[in-house]
Full PDB file with SEQRES, HELIX, SHEET, SSBOND, CRYST1, ORIGX, SCALE, CONECT and MASTER records, all heavy atoms in Angstrom:
SEQRES   1 A   35  VAL TYR LEU GLN MET ASN THR LEU LYS PRO GLU ASP ALA          
SEQRES   2 A   35  ALA VAL TYR TYR CYS SER ALA ASP VAL LEU PHE ARG LEU          
SEQRES   3 A   35  GLY VAL GLY ASN SER ARG THR LEU ARG                          
HELIX    1 AA1 PRO A   10  ASP A   12  5                                   3    
SHEET    1 AA1 2 VAL A  22  GLY A  27  0                                        
SHEET    2 AA1 2 ASN A  30  LEU A  34 -1                                        
CRYST1    1.000    1.000    1.000  90.00  90.00  90.00 P 1           1          
ORIGX1      1.000000  0.000000  0.000000        0.00000                         
ORIGX2      0.000000  1.000000  0.000000        0.00000                         
ORIGX3      0.000000  0.000000  1.000000        0.00000                         
SCALE1      1.000000  0.000000  0.000000        0.00000                         
SCALE2      0.000000  1.000000  0.000000        0.00000                         
SCALE3      0.000000  0.000000  1.000000        0.00000                         
ATOM      1  N   VAL A   1       4.891 -24.675 -27.309  1.00  0.00           N  
ATOM      2  CA  VAL A   1       5.217 -25.758 -26.398  1.00  0.00           C  
ATOM      3  C   VAL A   1       6.313 -26.602 -27.035  1.00  0.00           C  
ATOM      4  O   VAL A   1       6.344 -26.785 -28.253  1.00  0.00           O  
ATOM      5  CB  VAL A   1       3.974 -26.608 -26.060  1.00  0.00           C  
ATOM      6  CG1 VAL A   1       3.402 -27.284 -27.304  1.00  0.00           C  
ATOM      7  CG2 VAL A   1       4.296 -27.640 -24.982  1.00  0.00           C  
ATOM      8  N   TYR A   2       7.209 -27.106 -26.205  1.00  0.00           N  
ATOM      9  CA  TYR A   2       8.338 -27.887 -26.663  1.00  0.00           C  
ATOM     10  C   TYR A   2       8.333 -29.251 -25.982  1.00  0.00           C  
ATOM     11  O   TYR A   2       7.832 -29.418 -24.881  1.00  0.00           O  
ATOM     12  CB  TYR A   2       9.661 -27.199 -26.335  1.00  0.00           C  
ATOM     13  CG  TYR A   2       9.772 -25.786 -26.837  1.00  0.00           C  
ATOM     14  CD1 TYR A   2       9.421 -24.709 -26.024  1.00  0.00           C  
ATOM     15  CD2 TYR A   2      10.235 -25.517 -28.125  1.00  0.00           C  
ATOM     16  CE1 TYR A   2       9.525 -23.408 -26.479  1.00  0.00           C  
ATOM     17  CE2 TYR A   2      10.344 -24.219 -28.586  1.00  0.00           C  
ATOM     18  CZ  TYR A   2       9.988 -23.165 -27.753  1.00  0.00           C  
ATOM     19  OH  TYR A   2      10.097 -21.874 -28.215  1.00  0.00           O  
ATOM     20  N   LEU A   3       8.932 -30.196 -26.650  1.00  0.00           N  
ATOM     21  CA  LEU A   3       9.174 -31.497 -26.051  1.00  0.00           C  
ATOM     22  C   LEU A   3      10.605 -31.901 -26.364  1.00  0.00           C  
ATOM     23  O   LEU A   3      10.928 -32.220 -27.509  1.00  0.00           O  
ATOM     24  CB  LEU A   3       8.199 -32.553 -26.573  1.00  0.00           C  
ATOM     25  CG  LEU A   3       8.300 -33.924 -25.899  1.00  0.00           C  
ATOM     26  CD1 LEU A   3       7.843 -33.836 -24.444  1.00  0.00           C  
ATOM     27  CD2 LEU A   3       7.479 -34.963 -26.656  1.00  0.00           C  
ATOM     28  N   GLN A   4      11.437 -31.865 -25.350  1.00  0.00           N  
ATOM     29  CA  GLN A   4      12.810 -32.323 -25.482  1.00  0.00           C  
ATOM     30  C   GLN A   4      12.838 -33.812 -25.185  1.00  0.00           C  
ATOM     31  O   GLN A   4      12.474 -34.238 -24.090  1.00  0.00           O  
ATOM     32  CB  GLN A   4      13.729 -31.574 -24.518  1.00  0.00           C  
ATOM     33  CG  GLN A   4      15.181 -32.023 -24.559  1.00  0.00           C  
ATOM     34  CD  GLN A   4      15.859 -31.723 -25.875  1.00  0.00           C  
ATOM     35  OE1 GLN A   4      15.756 -30.605 -26.378  1.00  0.00           O  
ATOM     36  NE2 GLN A   4      16.538 -32.708 -26.445  1.00  0.00           N  
ATOM     37  N   MET A   5      13.276 -34.589 -26.148  1.00  0.00           N  
ATOM     38  CA  MET A   5      13.280 -36.033 -26.034  1.00  0.00           C  
ATOM     39  C   MET A   5      14.720 -36.524 -26.056  1.00  0.00           C  
ATOM     40  O   MET A   5      15.421 -36.372 -27.061  1.00  0.00           O  
ATOM     41  CB  MET A   5      12.485 -36.679 -27.167  1.00  0.00           C  
ATOM     42  CG  MET A   5      11.042 -36.190 -27.253  1.00  0.00           C  
ATOM     43  SD  MET A   5      10.082 -37.059 -28.524  1.00  0.00           S  
ATOM     44  CE  MET A   5      10.929 -36.478 -29.993  1.00  0.00           C  
ATOM     45  N   ASN A   6      15.148 -37.110 -24.962  1.00  0.00           N  
ATOM     46  CA  ASN A   6      16.492 -37.645 -24.837  1.00  0.00           C  
ATOM     47  C   ASN A   6      16.446 -39.155 -24.658  1.00  0.00           C  
ATOM     48  O   ASN A   6      15.430 -39.721 -24.275  1.00  0.00           O  
ATOM     49  CB  ASN A   6      17.217 -37.003 -23.647  1.00  0.00           C  
ATOM     50  CG  ASN A   6      17.400 -35.517 -23.788  1.00  0.00           C  
ATOM     51  OD1 ASN A   6      17.591 -35.004 -24.887  1.00  0.00           O  
ATOM     52  ND2 ASN A   6      17.358 -34.806 -22.660  1.00  0.00           N  
ATOM     53  N   THR A   7      17.577 -39.777 -24.907  1.00  0.00           N  
ATOM     54  CA  THR A   7      17.713 -41.220 -24.742  1.00  0.00           C  
ATOM     55  C   THR A   7      16.553 -41.949 -25.411  1.00  0.00           C  
ATOM     56  O   THR A   7      15.879 -42.791 -24.808  1.00  0.00           O  
ATOM     57  CB  THR A   7      17.804 -41.598 -23.252  1.00  0.00           C  
ATOM     58  OG1 THR A   7      18.620 -40.647 -22.547  1.00  0.00           O  
ATOM     59  CG2 THR A   7      18.449 -42.977 -23.088  1.00  0.00           C  
ATOM     60  N   LEU A   8      16.337 -41.618 -26.653  1.00  0.00           N  
ATOM     61  CA  LEU A   8      15.205 -42.176 -27.381  1.00  0.00           C  
ATOM     62  C   LEU A   8      15.347 -43.680 -27.576  1.00  0.00           C  
ATOM     63  O   LEU A   8      16.440 -44.199 -27.802  1.00  0.00           O  
ATOM     64  CB  LEU A   8      15.048 -41.481 -28.726  1.00  0.00           C  
ATOM     65  CG  LEU A   8      14.399 -40.095 -28.636  1.00  0.00           C  
ATOM     66  CD1 LEU A   8      14.702 -39.273 -29.875  1.00  0.00           C  
ATOM     67  CD2 LEU A   8      12.889 -40.236 -28.445  1.00  0.00           C  
ATOM     68  N   LYS A   9      14.224 -44.348 -27.495  1.00  0.00           N  
ATOM     69  CA  LYS A   9      14.144 -45.790 -27.654  1.00  0.00           C  
ATOM     70  C   LYS A   9      13.282 -46.123 -28.865  1.00  0.00           C  
ATOM     71  O   LYS A   9      12.451 -45.319 -29.274  1.00  0.00           O  
ATOM     72  CB  LYS A   9      13.523 -46.425 -26.406  1.00  0.00           C  
ATOM     73  CG  LYS A   9      14.236 -46.108 -25.107  1.00  0.00           C  
ATOM     74  CD  LYS A   9      13.475 -46.690 -23.920  1.00  0.00           C  
ATOM     75  CE  LYS A   9      14.167 -46.382 -22.611  1.00  0.00           C  
ATOM     76  NZ  LYS A   9      13.412 -46.934 -21.452  1.00  0.00           N  
ATOM     77  N   PRO A  10      13.461 -47.306 -29.432  1.00  0.00           N  
ATOM     78  CA  PRO A  10      12.611 -47.681 -30.569  1.00  0.00           C  
ATOM     79  C   PRO A  10      11.120 -47.595 -30.264  1.00  0.00           C  
ATOM     80  O   PRO A  10      10.339 -47.248 -31.152  1.00  0.00           O  
ATOM     81  CB  PRO A  10      13.041 -49.120 -30.859  1.00  0.00           C  
ATOM     82  CG  PRO A  10      14.463 -49.167 -30.418  1.00  0.00           C  
ATOM     83  CD  PRO A  10      14.524 -48.293 -29.186  1.00  0.00           C  
ATOM     84  N   GLU A  11      10.732 -47.883 -29.041  1.00  0.00           N  
ATOM     85  CA  GLU A  11       9.323 -47.821 -28.689  1.00  0.00           C  
ATOM     86  C   GLU A  11       8.778 -46.400 -28.620  1.00  0.00           C  
ATOM     87  O   GLU A  11       7.564 -46.208 -28.489  1.00  0.00           O  
ATOM     88  CB  GLU A  11       9.056 -48.547 -27.364  1.00  0.00           C  
ATOM     89  CG  GLU A  11       9.965 -48.120 -26.226  1.00  0.00           C  
ATOM     90  CD  GLU A  11      11.144 -49.057 -26.031  1.00  0.00           C  
ATOM     91  OE1 GLU A  11      11.759 -49.458 -27.047  1.00  0.00           O  
ATOM     92  OE2 GLU A  11      11.454 -49.396 -24.871  1.00  0.00           O  
ATOM     93  N   ASP A  12       9.657 -45.404 -28.709  1.00  0.00           N  
ATOM     94  CA  ASP A  12       9.214 -44.020 -28.777  1.00  0.00           C  
ATOM     95  C   ASP A  12       8.773 -43.620 -30.177  1.00  0.00           C  
ATOM     96  O   ASP A  12       8.212 -42.534 -30.357  1.00  0.00           O  
ATOM     97  CB  ASP A  12      10.328 -43.069 -28.323  1.00  0.00           C  
ATOM     98  CG  ASP A  12      10.682 -43.230 -26.857  1.00  0.00           C  
ATOM     99  OD1 ASP A  12       9.769 -43.387 -26.031  1.00  0.00           O  
ATOM    100  OD2 ASP A  12      11.893 -43.188 -26.540  1.00  0.00           O  
ATOM    101  N   ALA A  13       9.058 -44.443 -31.154  1.00  0.00           N  
ATOM    102  CA  ALA A  13       8.684 -44.130 -32.528  1.00  0.00           C  
ATOM    103  C   ALA A  13       7.172 -44.015 -32.646  1.00  0.00           C  
ATOM    104  O   ALA A  13       6.433 -44.912 -32.229  1.00  0.00           O  
ATOM    105  CB  ALA A  13       9.216 -45.191 -33.484  1.00  0.00           C  
ATOM    106  N   ALA A  14       6.718 -42.915 -33.188  1.00  0.00           N  
ATOM    107  CA  ALA A  14       5.287 -42.651 -33.289  1.00  0.00           C  
ATOM    108  C   ALA A  14       5.079 -41.345 -34.029  1.00  0.00           C  
ATOM    109  O   ALA A  14       6.025 -40.604 -34.306  1.00  0.00           O  
ATOM    110  CB  ALA A  14       4.653 -42.568 -31.899  1.00  0.00           C  
ATOM    111  N   VAL A  15       3.832 -41.071 -34.329  1.00  0.00           N  
ATOM    112  CA  VAL A  15       3.447 -39.740 -34.758  1.00  0.00           C  
ATOM    113  C   VAL A  15       3.096 -38.954 -33.505  1.00  0.00           C  
ATOM    114  O   VAL A  15       2.277 -39.397 -32.695  1.00  0.00           O  
ATOM    115  CB  VAL A  15       2.257 -39.756 -35.728  1.00  0.00           C  
ATOM    116  CG1 VAL A  15       1.845 -38.335 -36.094  1.00  0.00           C  
ATOM    117  CG2 VAL A  15       2.621 -40.546 -36.982  1.00  0.00           C  
ATOM    118  N   TYR A  16       3.730 -37.824 -33.349  1.00  0.00           N  
ATOM    119  CA  TYR A  16       3.526 -36.997 -32.175  1.00  0.00           C  
ATOM    120  C   TYR A  16       2.626 -35.816 -32.511  1.00  0.00           C  
ATOM    121  O   TYR A  16       2.833 -35.123 -33.511  1.00  0.00           O  
ATOM    122  CB  TYR A  16       4.867 -36.487 -31.641  1.00  0.00           C  
ATOM    123  CG  TYR A  16       5.640 -37.536 -30.884  1.00  0.00           C  
ATOM    124  CD1 TYR A  16       6.214 -38.614 -31.548  1.00  0.00           C  
ATOM    125  CD2 TYR A  16       5.793 -37.458 -29.500  1.00  0.00           C  
ATOM    126  CE1 TYR A  16       6.910 -39.593 -30.858  1.00  0.00           C  
ATOM    127  CE2 TYR A  16       6.492 -38.428 -28.803  1.00  0.00           C  
ATOM    128  CZ  TYR A  16       7.050 -39.493 -29.485  1.00  0.00           C  
ATOM    129  OH  TYR A  16       7.746 -40.456 -28.797  1.00  0.00           O  
ATOM    130  N   TYR A  17       1.649 -35.594 -31.667  1.00  0.00           N  
ATOM    131  CA  TYR A  17       0.687 -34.515 -31.847  1.00  0.00           C  
ATOM    132  C   TYR A  17       0.733 -33.571 -30.657  1.00  0.00           C  
ATOM    133  O   TYR A  17       0.733 -34.018 -29.513  1.00  0.00           O  
ATOM    134  CB  TYR A  17      -0.742 -35.052 -31.961  1.00  0.00           C  
ATOM    135  CG  TYR A  17      -0.973 -36.008 -33.104  1.00  0.00           C  
ATOM    136  CD1 TYR A  17      -0.792 -37.373 -32.937  1.00  0.00           C  
ATOM    137  CD2 TYR A  17      -1.394 -35.536 -34.344  1.00  0.00           C  
ATOM    138  CE1 TYR A  17      -1.014 -38.259 -33.979  1.00  0.00           C  
ATOM    139  CE2 TYR A  17      -1.616 -36.409 -35.391  1.00  0.00           C  
ATOM    140  CZ  TYR A  17      -1.426 -37.770 -35.206  1.00  0.00           C  
ATOM    141  OH  TYR A  17      -1.655 -38.643 -36.245  1.00  0.00           O  
ATOM    142  N   CYS A  18       0.741 -32.299 -30.938  1.00  0.00           N  
ATOM    143  CA  CYS A  18       0.626 -31.335 -29.847  1.00  0.00           C  
ATOM    144  C   CYS A  18      -0.825 -30.908 -29.699  1.00  0.00           C  
ATOM    145  O   CYS A  18      -1.627 -31.002 -30.634  1.00  0.00           O  
ATOM    146  CB  CYS A  18       1.529 -30.121 -30.061  1.00  0.00           C  
ATOM    147  SG  CYS A  18       1.106 -29.076 -31.474  1.00  0.00           S  
ATOM    148  N   SER A  19      -1.150 -30.455 -28.518  1.00  0.00           N  
ATOM    149  CA  SER A  19      -2.486 -29.974 -28.240  1.00  0.00           C  
ATOM    150  C   SER A  19      -2.412 -28.668 -27.469  1.00  0.00           C  
ATOM    151  O   SER A  19      -1.442 -28.400 -26.763  1.00  0.00           O  
ATOM    152  CB  SER A  19      -3.293 -31.002 -27.441  1.00  0.00           C  
ATOM    153  OG  SER A  19      -2.766 -31.147 -26.129  1.00  0.00           O  
ATOM    154  N   ALA A  20      -3.450 -27.876 -27.613  1.00  0.00           N  
ATOM    155  CA  ALA A  20      -3.556 -26.632 -26.872  1.00  0.00           C  
ATOM    156  C   ALA A  20      -5.004 -26.418 -26.484  1.00  0.00           C  
ATOM    157  O   ALA A  20      -5.901 -26.501 -27.330  1.00  0.00           O  
ATOM    158  CB  ALA A  20      -3.048 -25.454 -27.702  1.00  0.00           C  
ATOM    159  N   ASP A  21      -5.219 -26.169 -25.217  1.00  0.00           N  
ATOM    160  CA  ASP A  21      -6.553 -25.854 -24.723  1.00  0.00           C  
ATOM    161  C   ASP A  21      -6.693 -24.340 -24.738  1.00  0.00           C  
ATOM    162  O   ASP A  21      -6.180 -23.652 -23.857  1.00  0.00           O  
ATOM    163  CB  ASP A  21      -6.764 -26.414 -23.328  1.00  0.00           C  
ATOM    164  CG  ASP A  21      -6.720 -27.922 -23.304  1.00  0.00           C  
ATOM    165  OD1 ASP A  21      -6.913 -28.534 -24.373  1.00  0.00           O  
ATOM    166  OD2 ASP A  21      -6.496 -28.498 -22.227  1.00  0.00           O  
ATOM    167  N   VAL A  22      -7.377 -23.848 -25.750  1.00  0.00           N  
ATOM    168  CA  VAL A  22      -7.437 -22.423 -26.022  1.00  0.00           C  
ATOM    169  C   VAL A  22      -8.659 -21.813 -25.361  1.00  0.00           C  
ATOM    170  O   VAL A  22      -9.783 -22.304 -25.523  1.00  0.00           O  
ATOM    171  CB  VAL A  22      -7.458 -22.148 -27.535  1.00  0.00           C  
ATOM    172  CG1 VAL A  22      -7.551 -20.652 -27.808  1.00  0.00           C  
ATOM    173  CG2 VAL A  22      -6.218 -22.733 -28.191  1.00  0.00           C  
ATOM    174  N   LEU A  23      -8.424 -20.747 -24.639  1.00  0.00           N  
ATOM    175  CA  LEU A  23      -9.500 -20.018 -23.986  1.00  0.00           C  
ATOM    176  C   LEU A  23      -9.982 -18.897 -24.889  1.00  0.00           C  
ATOM    177  O   LEU A  23      -9.187 -18.061 -25.333  1.00  0.00           O  
ATOM    178  CB  LEU A  23      -9.022 -19.448 -22.652  1.00  0.00           C  
ATOM    179  CG  LEU A  23     -10.034 -18.610 -21.869  1.00  0.00           C  
ATOM    180  CD1 LEU A  23     -11.180 -19.478 -21.363  1.00  0.00           C  
ATOM    181  CD2 LEU A  23      -9.343 -17.905 -20.700  1.00  0.00           C  
ATOM    182  N   PHE A  24     -11.266 -18.884 -25.168  1.00  0.00           N  
ATOM    183  CA  PHE A  24     -11.884 -17.835 -25.962  1.00  0.00           C  
ATOM    184  C   PHE A  24     -12.760 -16.977 -25.068  1.00  0.00           C  
ATOM    185  O   PHE A  24     -13.614 -17.491 -24.346  1.00  0.00           O  
ATOM    186  CB  PHE A  24     -12.733 -18.421 -27.090  1.00  0.00           C  
ATOM    187  CG  PHE A  24     -11.942 -19.164 -28.121  1.00  0.00           C  
ATOM    188  CD1 PHE A  24     -11.747 -20.531 -28.013  1.00  0.00           C  
ATOM    189  CD2 PHE A  24     -11.393 -18.493 -29.206  1.00  0.00           C  
ATOM    190  CE1 PHE A  24     -11.021 -21.219 -28.957  1.00  0.00           C  
ATOM    191  CE2 PHE A  24     -10.664 -19.180 -30.158  1.00  0.00           C  
ATOM    192  CZ  PHE A  24     -10.474 -20.538 -30.035  1.00  0.00           C  
ATOM    193  N   ARG A  25     -12.548 -15.690 -25.128  1.00  0.00           N  
ATOM    194  CA  ARG A  25     -13.352 -14.746 -24.375  1.00  0.00           C  
ATOM    195  C   ARG A  25     -14.548 -14.347 -25.229  1.00  0.00           C  
ATOM    196  O   ARG A  25     -14.397 -13.687 -26.256  1.00  0.00           O  
ATOM    197  CB  ARG A  25     -12.532 -13.520 -23.997  1.00  0.00           C  
ATOM    198  CG  ARG A  25     -13.273 -12.521 -23.123  1.00  0.00           C  
ATOM    199  CD  ARG A  25     -13.533 -13.093 -21.736  1.00  0.00           C  
ATOM    200  NE  ARG A  25     -12.288 -13.386 -21.044  1.00  0.00           N  
ATOM    201  CZ  ARG A  25     -12.210 -14.041 -19.890  1.00  0.00           C  
ATOM    202  NH1 ARG A  25     -13.310 -14.477 -19.302  1.00  0.00           N  
ATOM    203  NH2 ARG A  25     -11.035 -14.258 -19.332  1.00  0.00           N  
ATOM    204  N   LEU A  26     -15.719 -14.760 -24.835  1.00  0.00           N  
ATOM    205  CA  LEU A  26     -16.932 -14.485 -25.591  1.00  0.00           C  
ATOM    206  C   LEU A  26     -17.593 -13.184 -25.192  1.00  0.00           C  
ATOM    207  O   LEU A  26     -18.358 -12.609 -25.965  1.00  0.00           O  
ATOM    208  CB  LEU A  26     -17.924 -15.636 -25.420  1.00  0.00           C  
ATOM    209  CG  LEU A  26     -17.399 -17.019 -25.806  1.00  0.00           C  
ATOM    210  CD1 LEU A  26     -18.467 -18.070 -25.557  1.00  0.00           C  
ATOM    211  CD2 LEU A  26     -16.946 -17.034 -27.254  1.00  0.00           C  
ATOM    212  N   GLY A  27     -17.330 -12.738 -24.016  1.00  0.00           N  
ATOM    213  CA  GLY A  27     -17.896 -11.515 -23.492  1.00  0.00           C  
ATOM    214  C   GLY A  27     -17.517 -11.390 -22.031  1.00  0.00           C  
ATOM    215  O   GLY A  27     -16.768 -12.213 -21.498  1.00  0.00           O  
ATOM    216  N   VAL A  28     -18.043 -10.380 -21.411  1.00  0.00           N  
ATOM    217  CA  VAL A  28     -17.759 -10.172 -19.997  1.00  0.00           C  
ATOM    218  C   VAL A  28     -18.312 -11.342 -19.190  1.00  0.00           C  
ATOM    219  O   VAL A  28     -19.512 -11.628 -19.234  1.00  0.00           O  
ATOM    220  CB  VAL A  28     -18.346  -8.848 -19.500  1.00  0.00           C  
ATOM    221  CG1 VAL A  28     -18.094  -8.685 -18.010  1.00  0.00           C  
ATOM    222  CG2 VAL A  28     -17.764  -7.676 -20.280  1.00  0.00           C  
ATOM    223  N   GLY A  29     -17.427 -12.021 -18.492  1.00  0.00           N  
ATOM    224  CA  GLY A  29     -17.832 -13.142 -17.667  1.00  0.00           C  
ATOM    225  C   GLY A  29     -18.265 -14.368 -18.434  1.00  0.00           C  
ATOM    226  O   GLY A  29     -18.906 -15.257 -17.859  1.00  0.00           O  
ATOM    227  N   ASN A  30     -17.891 -14.454 -19.706  1.00  0.00           N  
ATOM    228  CA  ASN A  30     -18.315 -15.567 -20.542  1.00  0.00           C  
ATOM    229  C   ASN A  30     -17.145 -16.037 -21.392  1.00  0.00           C  
ATOM    230  O   ASN A  30     -16.607 -15.271 -22.189  1.00  0.00           O  
ATOM    231  CB  ASN A  30     -19.482 -15.150 -21.439  1.00  0.00           C  
ATOM    232  CG  ASN A  30     -20.113 -16.315 -22.163  1.00  0.00           C  
ATOM    233  OD1 ASN A  30     -19.829 -17.475 -21.865  1.00  0.00           O  
ATOM    234  ND2 ASN A  30     -20.981 -16.013 -23.124  1.00  0.00           N  
ATOM    235  N   SER A  31     -16.756 -17.288 -21.232  1.00  0.00           N  
ATOM    236  CA  SER A  31     -15.643 -17.832 -21.988  1.00  0.00           C  
ATOM    237  C   SER A  31     -15.821 -19.324 -22.218  1.00  0.00           C  
ATOM    238  O   SER A  31     -16.607 -19.983 -21.540  1.00  0.00           O  
ATOM    239  CB  SER A  31     -14.316 -17.567 -21.269  1.00  0.00           C  
ATOM    240  OG  SER A  31     -14.283 -18.220 -20.018  1.00  0.00           O  
ATOM    241  N   ARG A  32     -15.099 -19.834 -23.190  1.00  0.00           N  
ATOM    242  CA  ARG A  32     -15.099 -21.265 -23.497  1.00  0.00           C  
ATOM    243  C   ARG A  32     -13.678 -21.712 -23.793  1.00  0.00           C  
ATOM    244  O   ARG A  32     -12.865 -20.936 -24.296  1.00  0.00           O  
ATOM    245  CB  ARG A  32     -15.987 -21.577 -24.710  1.00  0.00           C  
ATOM    246  CG  ARG A  32     -17.471 -21.429 -24.463  1.00  0.00           C  
ATOM    247  CD  ARG A  32     -17.991 -22.563 -23.601  1.00  0.00           C  
ATOM    248  NE  ARG A  32     -19.434 -22.499 -23.433  1.00  0.00           N  
ATOM    249  CZ  ARG A  32     -20.311 -23.083 -24.232  1.00  0.00           C  
ATOM    250  NH1 ARG A  32     -19.895 -23.786 -25.291  1.00  0.00           N  
ATOM    251  NH2 ARG A  32     -21.602 -22.968 -23.997  1.00  0.00           N  
ATOM    252  N   THR A  33     -13.395 -22.962 -23.503  1.00  0.00           N  
ATOM    253  CA  THR A  33     -12.107 -23.555 -23.800  1.00  0.00           C  
ATOM    254  C   THR A  33     -12.296 -24.696 -24.788  1.00  0.00           C  
ATOM    255  O   THR A  33     -13.135 -25.574 -24.573  1.00  0.00           O  
ATOM    256  CB  THR A  33     -11.418 -24.075 -22.529  1.00  0.00           C  
ATOM    257  OG1 THR A  33     -11.233 -22.996 -21.610  1.00  0.00           O  
ATOM    258  CG2 THR A  33     -10.062 -24.676 -22.864  1.00  0.00           C  
ATOM    259  N   LEU A  34     -11.520 -24.675 -25.861  1.00  0.00           N  
ATOM    260  CA  LEU A  34     -11.558 -25.712 -26.876  1.00  0.00           C  
ATOM    261  C   LEU A  34     -10.165 -26.282 -27.083  1.00  0.00           C  
ATOM    262  O   LEU A  34      -9.174 -25.550 -27.039  1.00  0.00           O  
ATOM    263  CB  LEU A  34     -12.088 -25.169 -28.202  1.00  0.00           C  
ATOM    264  CG  LEU A  34     -13.527 -24.660 -28.229  1.00  0.00           C  
ATOM    265  CD1 LEU A  34     -13.842 -24.068 -29.597  1.00  0.00           C  
ATOM    266  CD2 LEU A  34     -14.492 -25.779 -27.896  1.00  0.00           C  
ATOM    267  N   ARG A  35     -10.104 -27.583 -27.325  1.00  0.00           N  
ATOM    268  CA  ARG A  35      -8.823 -28.222 -27.587  1.00  0.00           C  
ATOM    269  C   ARG A  35      -8.534 -28.263 -29.079  1.00  0.00           C  
ATOM    270  O   ARG A  35      -9.369 -28.730 -29.873  1.00  0.00           O  
ATOM    271  CB  ARG A  35      -8.789 -29.635 -27.010  1.00  0.00           C  
ATOM    272  CG  ARG A  35      -7.522 -30.397 -27.364  1.00  0.00           C  
ATOM    273  CD  ARG A  35      -7.292 -31.583 -26.470  1.00  0.00           C  
ATOM    274  NE  ARG A  35      -6.962 -31.157 -25.116  1.00  0.00           N  
ATOM    275  CZ  ARG A  35      -6.651 -31.990 -24.130  1.00  0.00           C  
ATOM    276  NH1 ARG A  35      -6.651 -33.293 -24.340  1.00  0.00           N  
ATOM    277  NH2 ARG A  35      -6.363 -31.518 -22.923  1.00  0.00           N  
TER     278      ARG A  35                                                      
MASTER        0    0    0    1    2    0    0    6  277    1    0    3          
END                                                                             
């Protein structure tokens, strides 16, 4: 995943974190999503 940041302002200053909601296939018809 990308984040293109243009026209940056001082208030944009921060620590930026990415997230992913990952789907795990546990078996047939059985899955879980974790962030």
